[in-house]
C-alpha atoms as a PDB file:
ATOM      1  CA  UNK A   1       1.718   2.149  17.924  1.00  0.00           C
ATOM      2  CA  UNK A   2       0.938   6.046  17.790  1.00  0.00           C
ATOM      3  CA  UNK A   3      -1.417   6.358  15.437  1.00  0.00           C
ATOM      4  CA  UNK A   4      -4.677   4.552  16.919  1.00  0.00           C
ATOM      5  CA  UNK A   5      -8.245   4.722  18.459  1.00  0.00           C
ATOM      6  CA  UNK A   6      -6.851   2.721  21.170  1.00  0.00           C
ATOM      7  CA  UNK A   7      -5.450  -0.723  22.315  1.00  0.00           C
ATOM      8  CA  UNK A   8      -7.841  -2.740  24.005  1.00  0.00           C
ATOM      9  CA  UNK A   9      -5.879  -5.723  24.874  1.00  0.00           C
ATOM     10  CA  UNK A  10      -2.890  -7.884  24.820  1.00  0.00           C
ATOM     11  CA  UNK A  11      -2.542 -11.612  24.600  1.00  0.00           C
ATOM     12  CA  UNK A  12      -0.847 -14.591  23.419  1.00  0.00           C
ATOM     13  CA  UNK A  13      -2.193 -16.679  20.391  1.00  0.00           C
ATOM     14  CA  UNK A  14      -0.978 -20.140  20.306  1.00  0.00           C
ATOM     15  CA  UNK A  15      -0.581 -22.325  17.660  1.00  0.00           C
ATOM     16  CA  UNK A  16      -2.528 -25.660  18.695  1.00  0.00           C
ATOM     17  CA  UNK A  17      -0.616 -28.263  16.082  1.00  0.00           C
ATOM     18  CA  UNK A  18       2.498 -26.602  17.384  1.00  0.00           C
ATOM     19  CA  UNK A  19       2.098 -26.235  21.267  1.00  0.00           C
ATOM     20  CA  UNK A  20       5.247 -24.678  21.639  1.00  0.00           C
ATOM     21  CA  UNK A  21       4.680 -21.987  19.285  1.00  0.00           C
ATOM     22  CA  UNK A  22       2.908 -18.577  20.372  1.00  0.00           C
ATOM     23  CA  UNK A  23       2.788 -14.944  19.524  1.00  0.00           C
ATOM     24  CA  UNK A  24       2.004 -11.664  21.687  1.00  0.00           C
ATOM     25  CA  UNK A  25      -0.343  -9.476  19.961  1.00  0.00           C
ATOM     26  CA  UNK A  26      -2.295  -6.400  20.788  1.00  0.00           C
ATOM     27  CA  UNK A  27      -5.720  -6.244  19.885  1.00  0.00           C
ATOM     28  CA  UNK A  28      -6.471  -2.440  18.766  1.00  0.00           C
ATOM     29  CA  UNK A  29      -9.299  -0.124  16.417  1.00  0.00           C
ATOM     30  CA  UNK A  30      -7.175   1.775  14.226  1.00  0.00           C
ATOM     31  CA  UNK A  31      -7.910   4.507  11.474  1.00  0.00           C
ATOM     32  CA  UNK A  32      -7.857   2.777   8.028  1.00  0.00           C
ATOM     33  CA  UNK A  33      -5.766   5.515   6.702  1.00  0.00           C
ATOM     34  CA  UNK A  34      -3.243   5.314   9.122  1.00  0.00           C
ATOM     35  CA  UNK A  35      -2.451   1.454   7.820  1.00  0.00           C
ATOM     36  CA  UNK A  36      -0.005   0.880   5.080  1.00  0.00           C
ATOM     37  CA  UNK A  37      -0.252  -2.060   2.577  1.00  0.00           C
ATOM     38  CA  UNK A  38       2.770  -3.019   1.135  1.00  0.00           C
ATOM     39  CA  UNK A  39       1.146  -4.706  -2.033  1.00  0.00           C
ATOM     40  CA  UNK A  40      -1.337  -3.680  -4.352  1.00  0.00           C
ATOM     41  CA  UNK A  41      -4.993  -5.098  -4.511  1.00  0.00           C
ATOM     42  CA  UNK A  42      -6.932  -6.806  -7.236  1.00  0.00           C
ATOM     43  CA  UNK A  43      -9.758  -4.740  -8.021  1.00  0.00           C
ATOM     44  CA  UNK A  44     -12.158  -8.176  -8.448  1.00  0.00           C
ATOM     45  CA  UNK A  45     -11.344  -9.364  -5.182  1.00  0.00           C
ATOM     46  CA  UNK A  46     -12.278  -6.187  -3.562  1.00  0.00           C
ATOM     47  CA  UNK A  47     -15.728  -6.386  -5.340  1.00  0.00           C
ATOM     48  CA  UNK A  48     -16.122  -9.966  -3.863  1.00  0.00           C
ATOM     49  CA  UNK A  49     -14.632  -8.897  -0.027  1.00  0.00           C
ATOM     50  CA  UNK A  50     -17.156  -5.748  -0.403  1.00  0.00           C
ATOM     51  CA  UNK A  51     -19.898  -8.119  -1.419  1.00  0.00           C
ATOM     52  CA  UNK A  52     -19.300 -10.371   1.406  1.00  0.00           C
ATOM     53  CA  UNK A  53     -18.923  -7.867   4.113  1.00  0.00           C
ATOM     54  CA  UNK A  54     -21.890  -5.765   3.167  1.00  0.00           C
ATOM     55  CA  UNK A  55     -24.188  -8.645   2.732  1.00  0.00           C
ATOM     56  CA  UNK A  56     -23.249 -10.135   6.006  1.00  0.00           C
ATOM     57  CA  UNK A  57     -22.859  -6.831   7.969  1.00  0.00           C
ATOM     58  CA  UNK A  58     -19.692  -7.913   9.632  1.00  0.00           C
ATOM     59  CA  UNK A  59     -15.710  -8.080   9.294  1.00  0.00           C
ATOM     60  CA  UNK A  60     -15.298 -11.876  10.480  1.00  0.00           C
ATOM     61  CA  UNK A  61     -11.419 -11.152  10.560  1.00  0.00           C
ATOM     62  CA  UNK A  62      -9.289  -8.524  11.891  1.00  0.00           C
ATOM     63  CA  UNK A  63      -6.203  -7.221   9.887  1.00  0.00           C
ATOM     64  CA  UNK A  64      -2.680  -8.174  10.938  1.00  0.00           C
ATOM     65  CA  UNK A  65      -0.137  -5.016  11.117  1.00  0.00           C
ATOM     66  CA  UNK A  66       3.174  -4.431  12.418  1.00  0.00           C
ATOM     67  CA  UNK A  67       2.864  -2.393  15.732  1.00  0.00           C
ATOM     68  CA  UNK A  68       6.159  -0.311  14.747  1.00  0.00           C
ATOM     69  CA  UNK A  69       5.383   0.782  11.068  1.00  0.00           C
ATOM     70  CA  UNK A  70       1.539   0.151  10.667  1.00  0.00           C
ATOM     71  CA  UNK A  71       2.430  -2.109   7.920  1.00  0.00           C
ATOM     72  CA  UNK A  72      -0.277  -4.504   6.716  1.00  0.00           C
ATOM     73  CA  UNK A  73       0.756  -7.937   7.019  1.00  0.00           C
ATOM     74  CA  UNK A  74      -2.264  -9.734   6.069  1.00  0.00           C
ATOM     75  CA  UNK A  75      -5.643  -7.720   5.014  1.00  0.00           C
ATOM     76  CA  UNK A  76      -4.916  -5.620   2.094  1.00  0.00           C
ATOM     77  CA  UNK A  77      -8.033  -6.259   0.425  1.00  0.00           C
ATOM     78  CA  UNK A  78     -10.596  -5.868   3.713  1.00  0.00           C
ATOM     79  CA  UNK A  79      -8.522  -2.634   4.237  1.00  0.00           C
ATOM     80  CA  UNK A  80      -9.400  -1.184   0.701  1.00  0.00           C
ATOM     81  CA  UNK A  81     -12.984  -1.900   1.099  1.00  0.00           C
ATOM     82  CA  UNK A  82     -13.115  -0.499   4.481  1.00  0.00           C
ATOM     83  CA  UNK A  83     -11.892   2.830   3.153  1.00  0.00           C
ATOM     84  CA  UNK A  84     -14.394   2.707   0.474  1.00  0.00           C
ATOM     85  CA  UNK A  85     -16.908   2.181   2.992  1.00  0.00           C
ATOM     86  CA  UNK A  86     -15.445   5.374   4.868  1.00  0.00           C
ATOM     87  CA  UNK A  87     -15.398   3.473   8.284  1.00  0.00           C
ATOM     88  CA  UNK A  88     -13.535   5.451  11.010  1.00  0.00           C
ATOM     89  CA  UNK A  89     -11.851   2.362  12.443  1.00  0.00           C
ATOM     90  CA  UNK A  90     -10.766  -1.007  11.879  1.00  0.00           C
ATOM     91  CA  UNK A  91      -9.942  -4.071  14.062  1.00  0.00           C
ATOM     92  CA  UNK A  92      -6.223  -5.150  13.850  1.00  0.00           C
ATOM     93  CA  UNK A  93      -3.914  -7.578  15.673  1.00  0.00           C
ATOM     94  CA  UNK A  94      -0.602  -5.582  15.991  1.00  0.00           C
ATOM     95  CA  UNK A  95       2.609  -7.495  16.195  1.00  0.00           C
ATOM     96  CA  UNK A  96       5.994  -7.123  16.344  1.00  0.00           C
ATOM     97  CA  UNK A  97       6.598  -8.112  12.813  1.00  0.00           C
ATOM     98  CA  UNK A  98      10.486  -7.865  12.484  1.00  0.00           C
ATOM     99  CA  UNK A  99      11.210  -9.661  15.763  1.00  0.00           C
ATOM    100  CA  UNK A 100       8.303 -12.463  15.558  1.00  0.00           C
ATOM    101  CA  UNK A 101       9.656 -15.586  14.147  1.00  0.00           C
ATOM    102  CA  UNK A 102       6.294 -17.211  14.416  1.00  0.00           C
ATOM    103  CA  UNK A 103       5.675 -15.459  11.275  1.00  0.00           C
ATOM    104  CA  UNK A 104       6.936 -16.177   8.020  1.00  0.00           C
ATOM    105  CA  UNK A 105       6.891 -14.552   4.697  1.00  0.00           C
ATOM    106  CA  UNK A 106       6.892 -17.044   1.778  1.00  0.00           C
ATOM    107  CA  UNK A 107       6.338 -16.162  -2.233  1.00  0.00           C
ATOM    108  CA  UNK A 108       3.822 -16.990  -4.501  1.00  0.00           C
ATOM    109  CA  UNK A 109       4.580 -18.804  -7.894  1.00  0.00           C
ATOM    110  CA  UNK A 110       3.326 -17.095 -10.667  1.00  0.00           C
ATOM    111  CA  UNK A 111       1.260 -19.016 -13.644  1.00  0.00           C
ATOM    112  CA  UNK A 112       0.987 -17.102 -16.729  1.00  0.00           C
ATOM    113  CA  UNK A 113      -1.502 -18.866 -19.585  1.00  0.00           C
ATOM    114  CA  UNK A 114      -2.069 -18.067 -23.084  1.00  0.00           C
ATOM    115  CA  UNK A 115      -1.469 -18.812 -26.650  1.00  0.00           C
ATOM    116  CA  UNK A 116       2.331 -20.261 -27.233  1.00  0.00           C
ATOM    117  CA  UNK A 117       3.142 -17.052 -29.130  1.00  0.00           C
ATOM    118  CA  UNK A 118       1.881 -14.819 -26.261  1.00  0.00           C
ATOM    119  CA  UNK A 119       3.786 -17.100 -23.768  1.00  0.00           C
ATOM    120  CA  UNK A 120       7.037 -16.986 -25.976  1.00  0.00           C
ATOM    121  CA  UNK A 121       6.842 -12.990 -25.926  1.00  0.00           C
ATOM    122  CA  UNK A 122       6.533 -12.949 -22.465  1.00  0.00           C
ATOM    123  CA  UNK A 123       9.453 -14.875 -22.097  1.00  0.00           C
ATOM    124  CA  UNK A 124      11.580 -12.893 -24.074  1.00  0.00           C
ATOM    125  CA  UNK A 125      10.472  -9.703 -22.349  1.00  0.00           C
ATOM    126  CA  UNK A 126      11.427 -11.332 -18.788  1.00  0.00           C
ATOM    127  CA  UNK A 127      14.428 -12.572 -20.052  1.00  0.00           C
ATOM    128  CA  UNK A 128      15.465  -8.885 -21.231  1.00  0.00           C
ATOM    129  CA  UNK A 129      14.704  -7.498 -17.986  1.00  0.00           C
ATOM    130  CA  UNK A 130      15.104  -9.911 -15.004  1.00  0.00           C
ATOM    131  CA  UNK A 131      17.830 -12.607 -15.036  1.00  0.00           C
ATOM    132  CA  UNK A 132      16.715 -16.247 -14.572  1.00  0.00           C
ATOM    133  CA  UNK A 133      17.074 -19.707 -16.162  1.00  0.00           C
ATOM    134  CA  UNK A 134      14.687 -21.554 -18.255  1.00  0.00           C
ATOM    135  CA  UNK A 135      13.713 -25.267 -18.122  1.00  0.00           C
ATOM    136  CA  UNK A 136      11.184 -26.624 -21.021  1.00  0.00           C
ATOM    137  CA  UNK A 137       8.923 -29.412 -20.420  1.00  0.00           C
ATOM    138  CA  UNK A 138       6.601 -30.309 -23.147  1.00  0.00           C
ATOM    139  CA  UNK A 139       4.338 -27.176 -23.602  1.00  0.00           C
ATOM    140  CA  UNK A 140       5.369 -25.694 -19.796  1.00  0.00           C
ATOM    141  CA  UNK A 141       7.945 -23.187 -19.372  1.00  0.00           C
ATOM    142  CA  UNK A 142       9.544 -22.596 -15.996  1.00  0.00           C
ATOM    143  CA  UNK A 143      11.459 -19.325 -15.388  1.00  0.00           C
ATOM    144  CA  UNK A 144      13.222 -19.378 -12.140  1.00  0.00           C
ATOM    145  CA  UNK A 145      14.498 -15.995 -11.383  1.00  0.00           C
ATOM    146  CA  UNK A 146      18.103 -15.672  -9.925  1.00  0.00           C
ATOM    147  CA  UNK A 147      18.342 -14.732  -6.358  1.00  0.00           C
ATOM    148  CA  UNK A 148      19.545 -10.927  -6.384  1.00  0.00           C
ATOM    149  CA  UNK A 149      20.969  -8.632  -4.191  1.00  0.00           C
ATOM    150  CA  UNK A 150      17.550  -6.424  -4.518  1.00  0.00           C
ATOM    151  CA  UNK A 151      14.753  -8.837  -4.957  1.00  0.00           C
ATOM    152  CA  UNK A 152      12.188  -5.951  -4.317  1.00  0.00           C
ATOM    153  CA  UNK A 153      13.345  -4.696  -7.899  1.00  0.00           C
ATOM    154  CA  UNK A 154      12.173  -7.992  -9.404  1.00  0.00           C
ATOM    155  CA  UNK A 155       8.721  -7.722  -8.338  1.00  0.00           C
ATOM    156  CA  UNK A 156       8.320  -3.810  -9.515  1.00  0.00           C
ATOM    157  CA  UNK A 157       9.491  -5.237 -12.919  1.00  0.00           C
ATOM    158  CA  UNK A 158       6.932  -7.647 -12.807  1.00  0.00           C
ATOM    159  CA  UNK A 159       4.184  -5.526 -11.713  1.00  0.00           C
ATOM    160  CA  UNK A 160       5.345  -2.965 -14.579  1.00  0.00           C
ATOM    161  CA  UNK A 161       5.002  -6.394 -16.953  1.00  0.00           C
ATOM    162  CA  UNK A 162       1.872  -7.490 -15.709  1.00  0.00           C
ATOM    163  CA  UNK A 163       0.173  -4.438 -16.308  1.00  0.00           C
ATOM    164  CA  UNK A 164       0.423  -4.756 -20.134  1.00  0.00           C
ATOM    165  CA  UNK A 165      -0.608  -8.261 -20.421  1.00  0.00           C
ATOM    166  CA  UNK A 166      -3.848  -8.506 -22.673  1.00  0.00           C
ATOM    167  CA  UNK A 167      -3.611 -12.338 -23.905  1.00  0.00           C
ATOM    168  CA  UNK A 168      -2.237 -13.962 -20.988  1.00  0.00           C
ATOM    169  CA  UNK A 169      -4.217 -14.685 -17.708  1.00  0.00           C
ATOM    170  CA  UNK A 170      -2.350 -14.945 -14.499  1.00  0.00           C
ATOM    171  CA  UNK A 171      -2.848 -16.921 -11.359  1.00  0.00           C
ATOM    172  CA  UNK A 172      -1.001 -17.804  -8.358  1.00  0.00           C
ATOM    173  CA  UNK A 173      -0.006 -21.059  -6.514  1.00  0.00           C
ATOM    174  CA  UNK A 174       1.988 -21.835  -3.554  1.00  0.00           C
ATOM    175  CA  UNK A 175       3.977 -24.700  -4.872  1.00  0.00           C
ATOM    176  CA  UNK A 176       5.444 -25.474  -8.266  1.00  0.00           C
ATOM    177  CA  UNK A 177       2.679 -27.310 -10.359  1.00  0.00           C
ATOM    178  CA  UNK A 178       3.554 -30.844 -11.506  1.00  0.00           C
ATOM    179  CA  UNK A 179       1.479 -30.701 -14.851  1.00  0.00           C
ATOM    180  CA  UNK A 180       0.393 -26.863 -15.583  1.00  0.00           C
ATOM    181  CA  UNK A 181       0.106 -27.764 -19.550  1.00  0.00           C
ATOM    182  CA  UNK A 182       0.494 -24.795 -21.695  1.00  0.00           C
ATOM    183  CA  UNK A 183       1.786 -22.146 -19.397  1.00  0.00           C
ATOM    184  CA  UNK A 184       4.816 -20.170 -18.209  1.00  0.00           C
ATOM    185  CA  UNK A 185       5.574 -20.719 -14.561  1.00  0.00           C
ATOM    186  CA  UNK A 186       7.341 -17.916 -13.182  1.00  0.00           C
ATOM    187  CA  UNK A 187       9.422 -18.782  -9.690  1.00  0.00           C
ATOM    188  CA  UNK A 188      10.453 -15.367  -8.267  1.00  0.00           C
ATOM    189  CA  UNK A 189      12.988 -14.689  -5.756  1.00  0.00           C
ATOM    190  CA  UNK A 190      12.564 -14.672  -2.101  1.00  0.00           C
ATOM    191  CA  UNK A 191      11.502 -11.619   0.044  1.00  0.00           C
ATOM    192  CA  UNK A 192      12.466 -10.720   3.651  1.00  0.00           C
ATOM    193  CA  UNK A 193      10.418  -8.891   6.288  1.00  0.00           C
ATOM    194  CA  UNK A 194      12.553  -5.753   5.878  1.00  0.00           C
ATOM    195  CA  UNK A 195      11.551  -5.635   1.990  1.00  0.00           C
ATOM    196  CA  UNK A 196       7.778  -5.600   2.927  1.00  0.00           C
ATOM    197  CA  UNK A 197       8.068  -3.076   5.568  1.00  0.00           C
ATOM    198  CA  UNK A 198      10.334  -0.590   3.186  1.00  0.00           C
ATOM    199  CA  UNK A 199       7.650  -1.049   0.619  1.00  0.00           C
ATOM    200  CA  UNK A 200       4.899  -0.301   2.651  1.00  0.00           C
ATOM    201  CA  UNK A 201       6.746   2.774   4.511  1.00  0.00           C
ATOM    202  CA  UNK A 202       8.206   4.289   1.137  1.00  0.00           C
ATOM    203  CA  UNK A 203       4.713   3.634  -0.791  1.00  0.00           C
ATOM    204  CA  UNK A 204       6.296   1.536  -3.594  1.00  0.00           C
ATOM    205  CA  UNK A 205       3.847  -1.182  -3.414  1.00  0.00           C
ATOM    206  CA  UNK A 206       4.760  -4.644  -4.885  1.00  0.00           C
ATOM    207  CA  UNK A 207       2.094  -6.284  -7.283  1.00  0.00           C
ATOM    208  CA  UNK A 208      -0.648  -8.183  -5.978  1.00  0.00           C
ATOM    209  CA  UNK A 209      -0.089 -11.675  -4.428  1.00  0.00           C
ATOM    210  CA  UNK A 210       3.569 -10.698  -3.971  1.00  0.00           C
ATOM    211  CA  UNK A 211       3.960 -12.235  -0.222  1.00  0.00           C
ATOM    212  CA  UNK A 212       2.454 -15.308   1.165  1.00  0.00           C
ATOM    213  CA  UNK A 213       2.536 -14.751   5.228  1.00  0.00           C
ATOM    214  CA  UNK A 214       2.287 -17.968   7.345  1.00  0.00           C
ATOM    215  CA  UNK A 215       1.309 -17.397  11.037  1.00  0.00           C
ATOM    216  CA  UNK A 216      -1.572 -18.682  13.568  1.00  0.00           C
ATOM    217  CA  UNK A 217      -2.998 -14.951  13.541  1.00  0.00           C
ATOM    218  CA  UNK A 218      -4.560 -15.605  10.263  1.00  0.00           C
ATOM    219  CA  UNK A 219      -7.042 -18.239  12.312  1.00  0.00           C
ATOM    220  CA  UNK A 220      -8.156 -15.887  14.634  1.00  0.00           C
ATOM    221  CA  UNK A 221     -11.650 -14.757  14.233  1.00  0.00           C
ATOM    222  CA  UNK A 222     -13.301 -11.450  15.430  1.00  0.00           C
ATOM    223  CA  UNK A 223     -16.555 -11.242  14.480  1.00  0.00           C
ATOM    224  CA  UNK A 224     -17.158  -7.064  14.069  1.00  0.00           C
ATOM    225  CA  UNK A 225     -20.481  -5.345  13.386  1.00  0.00           C
ATOM    226  CA  UNK A 226     -20.032  -3.269  10.533  1.00  0.00           C
ATOM    227  CA  UNK A 227     -22.288  -0.531  12.092  1.00  0.00           C
ATOM    228  CA  UNK A 228     -19.435  -0.371  14.951  1.00  0.00           C
ATOM    229  CA  UNK A 229     -16.824   0.643  12.828  1.00  0.00           C
ATOM    230  CA  UNK A 230     -18.067   4.177  11.455  1.00  0.00           C
END
């Protein structure tokens, strides 16, 4: 970890629900501009997080980053808020992301809603660019993207497509909804940790809510006064 204000300590975080699981982390304060997000942020979410931090005057949870590449594993919206507030340092939990088995990367399922006509047009567009299979259940369309050699390319295409949606809303879920009603449910391919790091290091960010990282580190609370970060 070469670009930082300084490492404070190292310790093991334990998963109390699964006692054998533990993870070695380093607690540090790093320059926010050295950190590398791997996916884009949602502007409305940035506004919510900013209001919470400014109102409370505290940052409650540290960011989680890869100690070798400074890839942001969790905390993209907090990072964007802190950059806009022009702080000089942010608290992070630094881990060996690629080697740490306790940290898993999962996917978000994307749920598009709109008129039947708009959803059919979206489906047509997706099928023309991203290989997959369609299942129809009443007024629900489920589009399962085929597993491909380069899954990152699928997410970049999704990001481009979603940037032009006007009559369709998008939400996310961690599992296929049972009765979503009139919707197009897209099940994307799985990404690996190396895909995450590559996107961050090369600056080719995925669309918002691409990855869902599962780790005990997300439970760690570290109340840091906002005034101490300047």
